[in-house]
Protein backbone atom coordinates (compact mmCIF):
# COMPACT_ATOMS: atom_id res chain seq x y z
CA MET A 1 -1.56 48.90 24.64
CA SER A 2 -2.62 45.26 24.35
CA THR A 3 -1.38 42.01 25.90
CA ILE A 4 0.15 39.14 23.92
CA PHE A 5 0.53 35.61 25.36
CA GLN A 6 3.53 33.93 23.75
CA ASN A 7 5.44 30.64 24.15
CA ILE A 8 3.14 28.98 26.71
CA ASN A 9 3.19 25.19 27.17
CA VAL A 10 -0.20 24.99 28.94
CA LEU A 11 -2.65 27.88 29.05
CA ASP A 12 -5.53 27.02 31.40
CA ILE A 13 -8.58 29.32 31.14
CA THR A 14 -11.10 26.86 32.54
CA THR A 15 -11.98 29.20 35.42
CA ALA A 16 -11.07 32.57 33.83
CA SER A 17 -13.29 35.54 34.65
CA GLU A 18 -15.49 37.18 32.04
CA GLY A 19 -13.17 40.15 31.47
CA ALA A 20 -9.89 38.24 31.60
CA PHE A 21 -9.20 38.73 27.85
CA ASP A 22 -10.55 42.23 27.34
CA ASP A 23 -7.06 43.64 26.66
CA VAL A 24 -5.55 40.48 25.06
CA SER A 25 -4.98 40.74 21.32
CA LYS A 26 -3.10 37.54 20.51
CA LEU A 27 -2.14 34.03 21.58
CA GLU A 28 1.03 32.78 19.93
CA ASN A 29 2.88 29.47 20.26
CA VAL A 30 0.64 27.72 22.79
CA ASN A 31 1.01 23.94 23.12
CA PHE A 32 -2.17 23.15 25.09
CA LEU A 33 -5.14 25.52 25.41
CA LEU A 34 -7.59 24.29 28.05
CA TYR A 35 -11.03 25.84 28.42
CA SER A 36 -14.47 25.00 29.81
CA LYS A 37 -17.89 25.34 28.24
CA ALA A 38 -18.40 28.52 30.25
CA THR A 39 -15.13 30.11 29.07
CA SER A 40 -15.04 28.95 25.43
CA SER A 41 -16.36 32.30 24.16
CA LEU A 42 -13.75 34.44 25.92
CA LEU A 43 -11.29 34.07 23.02
CA ALA A 44 -13.76 35.03 20.27
CA LYS A 45 -11.95 38.30 19.51
CA VAL A 46 -8.39 37.06 20.22
CA THR A 47 -6.08 36.18 17.32
CA GLN A 48 -4.72 32.63 17.77
CA GLN A 49 -1.51 31.64 16.04
CA ASN A 50 0.19 28.25 16.31
CA VAL A 51 -2.03 26.73 19.00
CA ASN A 52 -1.25 23.01 18.98
CA VAL A 53 -4.13 21.42 20.98
CA ARG A 54 -7.44 22.91 22.11
CA ALA A 55 -9.37 20.88 24.66
CA GLU A 56 -12.61 21.51 26.52
CA LEU A 57 -12.55 20.21 30.09
CA PRO A 58 -15.82 18.83 31.43
CA GLU A 59 -17.52 20.54 34.34
CA SER A 60 -16.58 19.38 37.83
CA CYS A 61 -13.31 17.60 37.10
CA ALA A 62 -9.85 17.91 38.62
CA LEU A 63 -6.90 18.66 36.35
CA ILE A 64 -3.75 16.56 36.86
CA HIS A 65 -0.68 18.00 35.09
CA ALA A 66 2.49 15.92 35.19
CA ASN A 67 5.85 15.65 33.46
CA GLY A 68 7.66 12.32 33.20
CA ARG A 69 5.93 9.16 34.41
CA TYR A 70 2.40 9.07 35.81
CA GLU A 71 0.96 5.81 37.13
CA ILE A 72 -2.70 4.99 37.60
CA THR A 73 -2.83 2.30 40.26
CA SER A 74 -6.18 2.89 41.98
CA LEU A 75 -9.09 5.23 41.34
CA ASN A 76 -11.21 6.25 44.28
CA ASN A 77 -11.28 10.02 43.76
CA ASP A 78 -14.35 12.09 44.58
CA ILE A 79 -14.51 13.82 41.20
CA PRO A 80 -13.29 12.66 37.76
CA LEU A 81 -9.71 13.40 36.76
CA PHE A 82 -8.60 15.10 33.54
CA ILE A 83 -5.01 13.87 33.12
CA MET A 84 -2.46 15.78 31.07
CA VAL A 85 1.02 14.26 30.85
CA ASN A 86 4.20 15.06 28.98
CA GLY A 87 5.92 11.70 29.19
CA THR A 88 4.40 8.29 30.04
CA ILE A 89 1.08 7.14 31.50
CA VAL A 90 1.00 3.61 32.95
CA ILE A 91 -2.37 2.04 33.80
CA ARG A 92 -1.71 -0.92 36.08
CA HIS A 93 -3.38 -4.29 35.63
CA ASP A 94 -5.41 -4.05 38.84
CA VAL A 95 -7.37 -0.97 37.71
CA THR A 96 -10.91 -2.01 36.80
CA ALA A 97 -12.75 -0.94 33.67
CA GLU A 98 -15.57 0.44 35.82
CA ALA A 99 -13.17 2.64 37.83
CA LEU A 100 -11.53 3.95 34.65
CA GLU A 101 -14.89 4.74 33.05
CA LYS A 102 -16.16 6.54 36.14
CA ASN A 103 -13.09 8.37 37.35
CA ILE A 104 -11.25 9.54 34.21
CA ALA A 105 -12.79 12.53 32.43
CA GLY A 106 -10.14 12.77 29.70
CA ILE A 107 -6.51 12.27 28.78
CA LEU A 108 -4.07 14.58 27.00
CA ILE A 109 -0.71 12.93 26.37
CA ASN A 110 2.50 13.86 24.64
CA GLY A 111 4.32 10.52 24.85
CA SER A 112 3.09 6.98 25.51
CA ILE A 113 0.18 5.26 27.28
CA PHE A 114 0.50 1.70 28.47
CA CYS A 115 -2.66 -0.14 29.46
CA PRO A 116 -3.92 -3.73 29.81
CA ASP A 117 -5.36 -5.28 26.65
CA GLN A 118 -8.93 -5.29 27.97
CA MET A 119 -8.68 -1.54 28.76
CA LYS A 120 -7.57 -0.37 25.33
CA GLY A 121 -11.06 0.44 24.04
CA ILE A 122 -11.97 2.48 27.12
CA VAL A 123 -8.65 4.33 27.08
CA GLN A 124 -9.11 5.23 23.41
CA GLN A 125 -12.48 6.78 24.29
CA LYS A 126 -10.89 8.84 27.08
CA VAL A 127 -8.04 10.20 24.97
CA VAL A 128 -8.69 13.77 23.85
CA SER A 129 -5.27 14.20 22.23
CA LEU A 130 -2.45 11.68 21.73
CA ASN A 131 0.90 12.78 20.35
CA GLY A 132 2.72 9.47 20.60
CA ARG A 133 1.45 5.92 20.98
CA LEU A 134 -1.06 3.79 22.88
CA VAL A 135 0.35 0.37 23.74
CA SER A 136 -1.60 -2.45 25.35
CA TYR A 137 -0.03 -5.30 27.30
CA MET A 138 -1.35 -8.69 28.39
CA ASP A 139 -4.01 -8.69 31.06
CA GLY A 140 -2.98 -9.46 34.64
CA ALA A 141 0.70 -8.81 34.01
CA GLU A 142 3.16 -6.67 35.87
CA LEU A 143 4.53 -4.03 33.50
CA VAL A 144 8.26 -3.30 33.22
CA ASN A 145 8.83 -0.37 30.91
CA GLU A 146 12.59 0.07 31.11
CA ASN A 147 15.55 -1.78 29.66
CA ILE A 148 16.27 -4.91 31.73
CA ARG A 149 19.05 -7.49 31.99
CA ILE A 150 17.57 -10.77 33.15
CA ASP A 151 20.17 -12.70 35.10
CA LYS A 152 20.27 -14.88 38.23
CA THR A 153 19.93 -11.91 40.58
CA TYR A 154 16.94 -10.47 38.74
CA LEU A 155 15.16 -13.82 38.70
CA GLN A 156 15.80 -14.49 42.38
CA ALA A 157 14.01 -11.21 43.26
CA LEU A 158 10.84 -12.26 41.42
CA LYS A 159 7.85 -14.04 42.90
CA ALA A 160 7.32 -17.60 41.73
CA GLY A 161 5.05 -17.86 38.68
CA SER A 162 5.42 -14.22 37.66
CA ARG A 163 3.47 -12.85 34.72
CA ILE A 164 5.43 -9.94 33.19
CA SER A 165 5.20 -7.64 30.17
CA PHE A 166 8.41 -5.94 29.09
CA THR A 167 8.09 -2.79 26.99
CA GLY A 168 11.80 -1.90 26.93
CA LYS A 169 14.79 -3.83 25.63
CA VAL A 170 15.50 -7.12 27.38
CA PHE A 171 18.90 -8.84 27.48
CA MET A 172 19.33 -12.48 28.50
CA LEU A 173 23.03 -13.06 27.84
CA ASP A 174 24.19 -14.55 31.14
CA GLU A 175 24.20 -18.20 32.15
CA VAL A 176 20.95 -18.90 33.98
CA ASP A 177 19.69 -22.11 35.61
CA THR A 178 16.69 -23.23 33.54
CA ASN A 179 15.04 -24.58 36.72
CA LEU A 180 15.13 -21.04 38.15
CA LEU A 181 13.64 -19.70 34.93
CA ASN A 182 10.78 -22.21 35.07
CA GLU A 183 10.09 -21.45 38.74
CA LYS A 184 10.03 -17.66 38.48
CA LEU A 185 8.53 -17.00 35.07
CA ASP A 186 5.08 -18.25 34.14
CA THR A 187 4.12 -16.05 31.17
CA ILE A 188 6.19 -13.29 29.54
CA GLU A 189 5.54 -10.75 26.82
CA PHE A 190 8.22 -8.79 24.99
CA MET A 191 7.17 -5.67 23.10
CA ASP A 192 10.53 -4.23 22.06
CA LYS A 193 13.79 -6.07 21.51
CA LEU A 194 14.86 -9.33 23.09
CA VAL A 195 18.52 -10.32 22.80
CA ILE A 196 18.94 -13.82 24.16
CA ARG A 197 21.39 -16.71 24.15
CA GLU A 198 20.27 -19.45 21.81
CA GLU A 199 19.98 -22.12 24.51
CA LEU A 200 17.84 -19.86 26.74
CA LEU A 201 15.43 -19.07 23.93
CA SER A 202 14.51 -22.72 23.63
CA ALA A 203 13.97 -22.83 27.40
CA ILE A 204 11.50 -19.94 27.50
CA SER A 205 9.82 -20.22 24.11
CA GLY A 206 6.77 -21.92 25.64
CA LYS A 207 6.30 -19.04 28.07
CA ILE A 208 6.26 -16.23 25.47
CA VAL A 209 2.94 -14.77 24.34
CA ASN A 210 2.36 -12.35 21.47
CA ALA A 211 5.78 -13.10 20.04
CA HIS A 212 4.91 -10.99 16.98
CA LYS A 213 5.26 -7.84 19.12
CA ALA A 214 8.98 -8.42 19.72
CA SER A 215 12.17 -8.26 17.72
CA ILE A 216 13.96 -11.39 18.88
CA MET A 217 17.67 -11.86 18.30
CA ALA A 218 19.33 -15.10 19.38
CA VAL A 219 23.12 -15.02 19.82
CA SER A 220 25.52 -17.89 20.31
CA LYS A 221 27.32 -18.35 23.60
CA ASP A 222 30.65 -17.46 21.95
CA THR A 223 29.41 -14.00 20.86
CA TYR A 224 30.40 -10.76 22.61
CA TYR A 225 27.31 -8.51 22.19
CA VAL A 226 27.30 -4.72 22.69
CA GLU A 227 24.17 -2.57 22.47
CA ASP A 228 26.21 0.53 21.68
CA ASN A 229 29.21 1.84 19.79
CA LEU A 230 32.43 -0.09 20.31
CA MET A 231 35.99 1.17 20.13
CA LEU A 232 38.40 -1.71 19.59
CA ASN A 233 42.04 -1.26 20.57
CA GLU A 234 44.60 -3.86 21.63
CA GLY A 235 43.69 -3.57 25.31
CA VAL A 236 39.94 -4.04 24.71
CA LEU A 237 40.39 -6.84 22.22
CA SER A 238 42.72 -8.77 24.53
CA ARG A 239 40.06 -8.73 27.28
CA ILE A 240 37.24 -9.96 25.05
CA GLN A 241 37.28 -13.71 25.58
CA LYS A 242 34.92 -14.44 22.69
CA LYS A 243 35.91 -14.48 19.05
CA ARG A 244 32.58 -13.35 17.66
CA ILE A 245 31.75 -9.64 18.18
CA HIS A 246 28.40 -7.96 17.49
CA ALA A 247 27.73 -4.25 18.11
CA THR A 248 24.53 -2.35 17.31
CA GLY A 249 26.48 0.91 16.92
CA VAL A 250 29.64 1.95 15.10
CA ILE A 251 32.76 -0.20 15.55
CA LEU A 252 35.99 1.81 15.46
CA ILE A 253 39.19 -0.22 15.06
CA GLU A 254 42.16 1.75 16.35
CA SER A 255 45.57 1.89 14.75
CA ASP A 256 47.32 -0.31 17.37
CA ILE A 257 45.46 -3.37 16.08
CA LYS A 258 47.45 -4.98 13.29
CA PRO A 259 46.12 -7.42 10.65
CA ALA A 260 47.87 -10.47 12.09
CA MET A 261 46.57 -9.76 15.61
CA PHE A 262 43.06 -9.19 14.31
CA ALA A 263 43.16 -12.42 12.28
CA GLU A 264 44.16 -14.43 15.35
CA TRP A 265 41.68 -12.94 17.85
CA VAL A 266 38.53 -12.39 15.78
CA ASP A 267 36.51 -14.96 13.86
CA ASN A 268 33.49 -12.81 13.04
CA LEU A 269 32.74 -9.08 13.32
CA HIS A 270 29.35 -7.45 12.84
CA SER A 271 28.03 -3.91 13.20
CA ASP A 272 24.43 -2.84 12.55
CA LYS A 273 25.76 0.57 11.43
CA LEU A 274 29.38 0.83 10.31
CA ILE A 275 32.91 -0.51 10.83
CA VAL A 276 35.73 2.05 10.51
CA CYS A 277 39.36 0.96 10.25
CA ARG A 278 42.61 2.07 8.69
CA ASP A 279 43.03 1.31 4.99
CA GLU A 280 45.63 -1.40 5.60
CA MET A 281 43.13 -3.26 7.82
CA LYS A 282 40.17 -3.14 5.49
CA GLN A 283 40.67 -6.40 3.61
CA GLU A 284 41.26 -8.35 6.81
CA VAL A 285 38.12 -6.85 8.39
CA LEU A 286 36.05 -7.60 5.30
CA SER A 287 37.17 -11.25 5.48
CA LYS A 288 35.68 -11.43 9.01
CA THR A 289 32.27 -9.94 8.15
CA ALA A 290 30.08 -12.77 6.92
CA ASP A 291 27.10 -10.45 6.34
CA PRO A 292 27.55 -8.59 3.02
CA SER A 293 25.26 -5.78 4.24
CA VAL A 294 27.87 -4.68 6.84
CA VAL A 295 29.53 -1.42 5.73
CA VAL A 296 33.31 -1.33 6.20
CA SER A 297 35.09 1.96 5.53
CA GLY A 298 38.85 2.47 5.52
CA TYR A 299 40.60 5.74 6.25
CA THR A 300 44.02 7.38 6.27
CA GLY A 301 45.14 10.24 8.51
CA LYS A 302 43.98 10.93 12.06
CA LEU A 303 40.63 9.71 13.38
CA LYS A 304 38.66 12.09 15.63
CA VAL A 305 35.66 10.74 17.53
CA VAL A 306 33.19 13.34 18.84
CA GLU A 307 31.01 12.01 21.68
CA GLY A 308 29.93 15.21 23.47
CA ASP A 309 30.37 18.84 22.47
CA TYR A 310 33.52 19.62 20.49
CA LYS A 311 34.71 22.82 18.83
CA LEU A 312 37.11 22.59 15.91
CA THR A 313 39.37 25.64 15.87
CA ALA A 314 41.64 27.20 13.27
CA ALA A 315 44.62 26.63 15.58
CA GLU A 316 43.93 22.88 15.75
CA LEU A 317 43.88 22.64 11.96
CA LYS A 318 47.06 24.72 11.69
CA TYR A 319 49.06 22.47 14.03
CA THR A 320 47.60 19.10 13.00
CA LYS A 321 49.87 17.72 10.34
CA GLU A 322 47.70 14.71 9.35
CA GLU A 323 44.43 14.88 7.49
CA LEU A 324 41.40 14.38 9.73
CA VAL A 325 38.54 11.91 9.62
CA PHE A 326 35.59 12.60 11.95
CA VAL A 327 33.06 10.22 13.46
CA VAL A 328 30.46 12.46 15.10
CA HIS A 329 28.06 11.10 17.71
CA GLY A 330 27.73 14.35 19.68
CA GLU A 331 27.87 17.95 18.44
CA LEU A 332 30.74 19.28 16.32
CA ASP A 333 30.95 23.07 16.10
CA ILE A 334 33.16 24.53 13.37
CA ALA A 335 34.70 27.83 14.54
CA SER A 336 33.50 30.65 12.33
CA ASP A 337 37.06 31.96 11.70
CA ILE A 338 38.18 28.75 9.94
CA ASP A 339 38.82 29.44 6.28
CA PRO A 340 36.64 27.15 4.10
CA GLN A 341 39.61 26.18 1.92
CA GLN A 342 41.63 25.23 5.01
CA LEU A 343 38.67 23.16 6.21
CA PHE A 344 38.44 21.41 2.81
CA ASP A 345 42.16 20.62 2.74
CA SER A 346 42.25 19.32 6.32
CA ILE A 347 39.32 16.89 6.37
CA THR A 348 39.12 13.78 4.24
CA GLY A 349 35.77 12.41 5.45
CA ILE A 350 32.98 12.69 8.01
CA PHE A 351 30.68 9.99 9.39
CA ASN A 352 27.89 11.98 11.02
CA TYR A 353 25.43 10.51 13.52
CA GLY A 354 25.10 13.70 15.56
CA ILE A 355 25.02 17.44 14.86
CA ILE A 356 27.51 19.57 12.90
CA ASN A 357 27.34 23.39 12.88
CA GLY A 358 29.11 25.57 10.30
CA SER A 359 28.80 29.01 8.72
CA GLY A 360 28.50 30.10 5.13
CA GLU A 361 30.86 28.21 2.80
CA GLN A 362 31.87 25.93 5.70
CA TYR A 363 28.41 24.34 5.36
CA GLY A 364 29.17 23.45 1.75
CA VAL A 365 32.56 21.99 2.66
CA ILE A 366 30.95 19.84 5.36
CA GLN A 367 28.34 18.55 2.93
CA SER A 368 31.07 17.62 0.42
CA LYS A 369 32.96 15.59 3.06
CA LEU A 370 30.03 13.58 4.39
CA LEU A 371 30.52 9.85 3.85
CA ILE A 372 27.50 8.96 6.00
CA ASN A 373 24.95 11.44 7.30
CA GLU A 374 22.39 10.04 9.77
CA GLY A 375 22.44 13.24 11.85
CA ALA A 376 21.96 16.94 11.14
CA VAL A 377 24.13 19.64 9.52
CA SER A 378 23.15 23.24 10.15
CA ASP A 379 24.21 26.54 8.58
CA ARG A 380 24.44 29.14 11.33
CA ASP A 381 23.94 31.92 8.79
CA HIS A 382 20.42 30.65 8.11
CA ILE A 383 19.29 30.01 11.69
CA GLU A 384 17.05 32.72 13.04
CA GLU A 385 17.90 33.57 16.62
CA TYR A 386 15.46 35.57 18.67
CA LYS A 387 17.85 37.38 20.94
CA ASN A 388 15.90 40.59 21.38
CA ASP A 389 12.65 41.25 23.19
CA PRO A 390 9.90 40.70 20.60
CA SER A 391 8.12 43.79 21.93
CA ALA A 392 10.79 45.84 20.23
CA SER A 393 9.36 45.03 16.77
CA GLU A 394 7.63 47.87 14.96
CA ASP A 395 4.33 46.01 14.75
CA HIS A 396 3.98 45.68 18.50
CA VAL A 397 5.64 48.73 20.01
CA GLY A 398 4.12 49.36 23.41
CA ASP A 399 2.45 45.93 23.73
CA ARG A 400 2.79 43.94 26.95
CA TYR A 401 4.11 40.37 26.63
CA ILE A 402 3.44 37.43 28.93
CA SER A 403 5.74 34.69 27.67
CA ASN A 404 7.86 31.60 28.26
CA ALA A 405 5.72 29.79 30.85
CA ASN A 406 5.26 26.06 31.37
CA TYR A 407 1.81 26.32 32.98
CA LEU A 408 -0.27 29.51 33.15
CA LYS A 409 -3.73 29.57 34.72
CA LEU A 410 -6.04 32.58 34.41
């Protein structure tokens, strides 16, 4: 009988004993394999299958293993650190190059590293494996790596003359006193998306550095901006005080909005993805979309919007008299007992931005009904599910399995 290690995120053998692998025949599906110079030969006779990263840890270092966010703010440790993170590493601006060189033995990262510009070269030397991105920000800046809405309250909480790098999306859509802006913000860097009112952009343009790193979108003060999908019905539209509407996601216009009402309340409508409306509304909607790249799709029947998990059953199709149109953002599961012909006859179209699961011929029906597919469609009949203990296979009868561990140290 031999031992098989299977489905291990981190296998640490840096301090393993000489005989630790005498009865081990195979390593399978290991994300990170960590070893030292002294233990590198222990696996010479072990079959290794699907090992993602192999890394040798230097002698006399301490391993730091973290999930999520790990910040390096000061380095005064007695021995060098070998840092392994699944998530984000943030190196703050007050960490010196000398401290980084002396106190970091290596970095393994599945995610992102953010470091000051002057540190980028040193960090690159320290990275053993990077599955993600290394992003540098301006020296001496405070780093904000989350989505932020800059308004009066946010500015009042800042120190005067702040120097800030933003790595997430930034929204400046509220009225802000330009005197407060000038007092609180000295230098700013945007590295993702900046959505800002036109008059505020002119006020801060002299404070922005490395503008090439950002996607800057200026919107007029009469624009209602939504960084998401937007469902427009009479109640929502009546509460929007602005006649220009811009959404980054899908705009769904519900059936209670009539052409005359829409014409009166909306001057311009824009979606970065898609506008869906009833057929009788399509011409009116097209007349309000100045950008010819905006896709407008009309439909008849009943519109179903899937946001979370939703199961379509045979009974629902039986008792729904109208044809169905689906907009899928979540996960749509087609019950396996639905007859493919019934499915074909009941659905007129699908806009898929999520996941759709079907079986056999259902998969073909789904594919034929897709009007937009920016998600995934899966055929359950072709998905391999490992429900049984792998030790039951004929090739490994009697073997011992050590499996499904996040961190395993020998």
